Amino acid sequence: MRTTFITLALSAALIAGGCSKANQTATTSSSTQPTAGSSVAATAAPAMTPEQLGQLGALINKQPANADKLLADQGLTQETFESAIRKVSSDPAASKRYAAAYKSAS
């Protein structure tokens, strides 16, 4: 389960980093109008930079048995971490920053 989660998160980040920039106005308008589900996740999770998420992702990949503890130490759950990864992967620049931090921490 954790391996699948990690693979999914990394794949999403890498795919988004390779994609060309999407319509910026659509991204901007959707990010300024949070849905009910995203506002709950955003308030529950501490704000982490793509670099911090990349380092955490690499650490989870190194120690998958401790994934829940590593996430809890950062004030995250699997759901909030996934949400943060999806947010990072939707921005090509942030996705590249995540991938670079993940690679350097691996």
C-alpha atoms as a PDB file:
ATOM      1  CA  MET A   1       0.000   0.000   0.000  1.00  0.00           C
ATOM      2  CA  ARG A   2       2.715   2.468   0.958  1.00  0.00           C
ATOM      3  CA  THR A   3       4.835   1.543  -2.055  1.00  0.00           C
ATOM      4  CA  THR A   4       1.842   2.161  -4.311  1.00  0.00           C
ATOM      5  CA  PHE A   5       1.218   5.490  -2.581  1.00  0.00           C
ATOM      6  CA  ILE A   6       4.829   6.579  -2.996  1.00  0.00           C
ATOM      7  CA  THR A   7       4.937   5.466  -6.628  1.00  0.00           C
ATOM      8  CA  LEU A   8       1.700   7.317  -7.373  1.00  0.00           C
ATOM      9  CA  ALA A   9       2.928  10.516  -5.739  1.00  0.00           C
ATOM     10  CA  LEU A  10       6.262  10.441  -7.532  1.00  0.00           C
ATOM     11  CA  SER A  11       4.693   9.608 -10.873  1.00  0.00           C
ATOM     12  CA  ALA A  12       2.260  12.483 -10.577  1.00  0.00           C
ATOM     13  CA  ALA A  13       5.063  14.893  -9.737  1.00  0.00           C
ATOM     14  CA  LEU A  14       7.305  13.744 -12.557  1.00  0.00           C
ATOM     15  CA  ILE A  15       4.534  13.704 -15.157  1.00  0.00           C
ATOM     16  CA  ALA A  16       3.447  17.186 -14.220  1.00  0.00           C
ATOM     17  CA  GLY A  17       7.036  18.401 -14.403  1.00  0.00           C
ATOM     18  CA  GLY A  18       7.350  17.094 -17.954  1.00  0.00           C
ATOM     19  CA  CYS A  19       4.111  18.614 -19.164  1.00  0.00           C
ATOM     20  CA  SER A  20       4.081  21.986 -20.838  1.00  0.00           C
ATOM     21  CA  LYS A  21       2.519  24.902 -19.050  1.00  0.00           C
ATOM     22  CA  ALA A  22      -1.280  24.732 -19.117  1.00  0.00           C
ATOM     23  CA  ASN A  23      -3.641  27.651 -19.467  1.00  0.00           C
ATOM     24  CA  GLN A  24      -2.507  29.952 -16.663  1.00  0.00           C
ATOM     25  CA  THR A  25      -5.863  31.683 -16.240  1.00  0.00           C
ATOM     26  CA  ALA A  26      -7.630  28.382 -15.640  1.00  0.00           C
ATOM     27  CA  THR A  27      -5.066  27.422 -13.005  1.00  0.00           C
ATOM     28  CA  THR A  28      -5.260  30.803 -11.315  1.00  0.00           C
ATOM     29  CA  SER A  29      -9.046  30.883 -11.136  1.00  0.00           C
ATOM     30  CA  SER A  30      -9.282  27.327  -9.839  1.00  0.00           C
ATOM     31  CA  SER A  31      -6.664  27.932  -7.159  1.00  0.00           C
ATOM     32  CA  THR A  32      -8.407  31.064  -5.881  1.00  0.00           C
ATOM     33  CA  GLN A  33     -11.766  29.342  -5.501  1.00  0.00           C
ATOM     34  CA  PRO A  34     -11.202  26.338  -3.228  1.00  0.00           C
ATOM     35  CA  THR A  35     -13.770  23.595  -3.109  1.00  0.00           C
ATOM     36  CA  ALA A  36     -15.156  22.293   0.165  1.00  0.00           C
ATOM     37  CA  GLY A  37     -12.788  19.288   0.165  1.00  0.00           C
ATOM     38  CA  SER A  38      -9.668  21.268  -0.654  1.00  0.00           C
ATOM     39  CA  SER A  39     -10.310  23.960   1.946  1.00  0.00           C
ATOM     40  CA  VAL A  40     -10.517  21.315   4.665  1.00  0.00           C
ATOM     41  CA  ALA A  41      -7.243  19.739   3.537  1.00  0.00           C
ATOM     42  CA  ALA A  42      -5.554  23.129   3.189  1.00  0.00           C
ATOM     43  CA  THR A  43      -6.440  24.190   6.721  1.00  0.00           C
ATOM     44  CA  ALA A  44      -5.501  20.829   8.227  1.00  0.00           C
ATOM     45  CA  ALA A  45      -2.065  20.560   6.599  1.00  0.00           C
ATOM     46  CA  PRO A  46       0.847  22.857   7.314  1.00  0.00           C
ATOM     47  CA  ALA A  47       2.193  24.681   4.274  1.00  0.00           C
ATOM     48  CA  MET A  48       5.303  22.955   2.963  1.00  0.00           C
ATOM     49  CA  THR A  49       7.513  24.039   0.102  1.00  0.00           C
ATOM     50  CA  PRO A  50       8.060  21.723  -2.870  1.00  0.00           C
ATOM     51  CA  GLU A  51      11.610  21.200  -1.605  1.00  0.00           C
ATOM     52  CA  GLN A  52      10.371  20.099   1.818  1.00  0.00           C
ATOM     53  CA  LEU A  53       7.839  17.770   0.211  1.00  0.00           C
ATOM     54  CA  GLY A  54      10.568  16.331  -2.038  1.00  0.00           C
ATOM     55  CA  GLN A  55      12.845  15.654   0.898  1.00  0.00           C
ATOM     56  CA  LEU A  56       9.992  14.077   2.830  1.00  0.00           C
ATOM     57  CA  GLY A  57       9.035  11.937  -0.172  1.00  0.00           C
ATOM     58  CA  ALA A  58      12.613  10.699  -0.507  1.00  0.00           C
ATOM     59  CA  LEU A  59      12.762   9.924   3.196  1.00  0.00           C
ATOM     60  CA  ILE A  60       9.504   7.970   2.980  1.00  0.00           C
ATOM     61  CA  ASN A  61      10.892   6.084  -0.008  1.00  0.00           C
ATOM     62  CA  LYS A  62      13.977   5.154   2.037  1.00  0.00           C
ATOM     63  CA  GLN A  63      11.940   4.155   5.112  1.00  0.00           C
ATOM     64  CA  PRO A  64       8.503   2.991   3.928  1.00  0.00           C
ATOM     65  CA  ALA A  65       7.826   1.175   7.204  1.00  0.00           C
ATOM     66  CA  ASN A  66       8.039   4.527   9.031  1.00  0.00           C
ATOM     67  CA  ALA A  67       5.906   6.492   6.551  1.00  0.00           C
ATOM     68  CA  ASP A  68       3.080   7.240   8.976  1.00  0.00           C
ATOM     69  CA  LYS A  69       5.483   8.426  11.675  1.00  0.00           C
ATOM     70  CA  LEU A  70       7.466  10.579   9.234  1.00  0.00           C
ATOM     71  CA  LEU A  71       4.256  12.193   8.018  1.00  0.00           C
ATOM     72  CA  ALA A  72       2.962  12.701  11.560  1.00  0.00           C
ATOM     73  CA  ASP A  73       6.249  14.382  12.544  1.00  0.00           C
ATOM     74  CA  GLN A  74       5.497  16.992   9.867  1.00  0.00           C
ATOM     75  CA  GLY A  75       1.856  17.332  10.938  1.00  0.00           C
ATOM     76  CA  LEU A  76       0.606  15.464   7.866  1.00  0.00           C
ATOM     77  CA  THR A  77      -1.491  12.416   7.112  1.00  0.00           C
ATOM     78  CA  GLN A  78      -1.362  10.316   3.953  1.00  0.00           C
ATOM     79  CA  GLU A  79      -4.342  12.276   2.624  1.00  0.00           C
ATOM     80  CA  THR A  80      -2.850  15.709   3.301  1.00  0.00           C
ATOM     81  CA  PHE A  81       0.501  14.628   1.867  1.00  0.00           C
ATOM     82  CA  GLU A  82      -1.226  13.353  -1.288  1.00  0.00           C
ATOM     83  CA  SER A  83      -3.126  16.625  -1.541  1.00  0.00           C
ATOM     84  CA  ALA A  84       0.084  18.640  -1.218  1.00  0.00           C
ATOM     85  CA  ILE A  85       1.779  16.482  -3.870  1.00  0.00           C
ATOM     86  CA  ARG A  86      -1.165  16.969  -6.242  1.00  0.00           C
ATOM     87  CA  LYS A  87      -0.982  20.720  -5.713  1.00  0.00           C
ATOM     88  CA  VAL A  88       2.761  20.739  -6.425  1.00  0.00           C
ATOM     89  CA  SER A  89       2.355  18.515  -9.472  1.00  0.00           C
ATOM     90  CA  SER A  90      -0.183  20.903 -10.985  1.00  0.00           C
ATOM     91  CA  ASP A  91       2.501  23.619 -11.236  1.00  0.00           C
ATOM     92  CA  PRO A  92       5.392  22.744 -13.603  1.00  0.00           C
ATOM     93  CA  ALA A  93       7.904  24.987 -11.809  1.00  0.00           C
ATOM     94  CA  ALA A  94       6.998  23.615  -8.373  1.00  0.00           C
ATOM     95  CA  SER A  95       7.089  20.090  -9.754  1.00  0.00           C
ATOM     96  CA  LYS A  96      10.659  20.607 -10.986  1.00  0.00           C
ATOM     97  CA  ARG A  97      11.651  21.952  -7.569  1.00  0.00           C
ATOM     98  CA  TYR A  98      10.070  18.894  -5.916  1.00  0.00           C
ATOM     99  CA  ALA A  99      11.850  16.500  -8.285  1.00  0.00           C
ATOM    100  CA  ALA A 100      15.223  18.191  -7.719  1.00  0.00           C
ATOM    101  CA  ALA A 101      14.828  18.048  -3.922  1.00  0.00           C
ATOM    102  CA  TYR A 102      13.684  14.418  -4.102  1.00  0.00           C
ATOM    103  CA  LYS A 103      16.656  13.470  -6.274  1.00  0.00           C
ATOM    104  CA  SER A 104      19.179  15.250  -4.043  1.00  0.00           C
ATOM    105  CA  ALA A 105      17.735  13.653  -0.905  1.00  0.00           C
ATOM    106  CA  SER A 106      17.690  10.142  -2.402  1.00  0.00           C
END
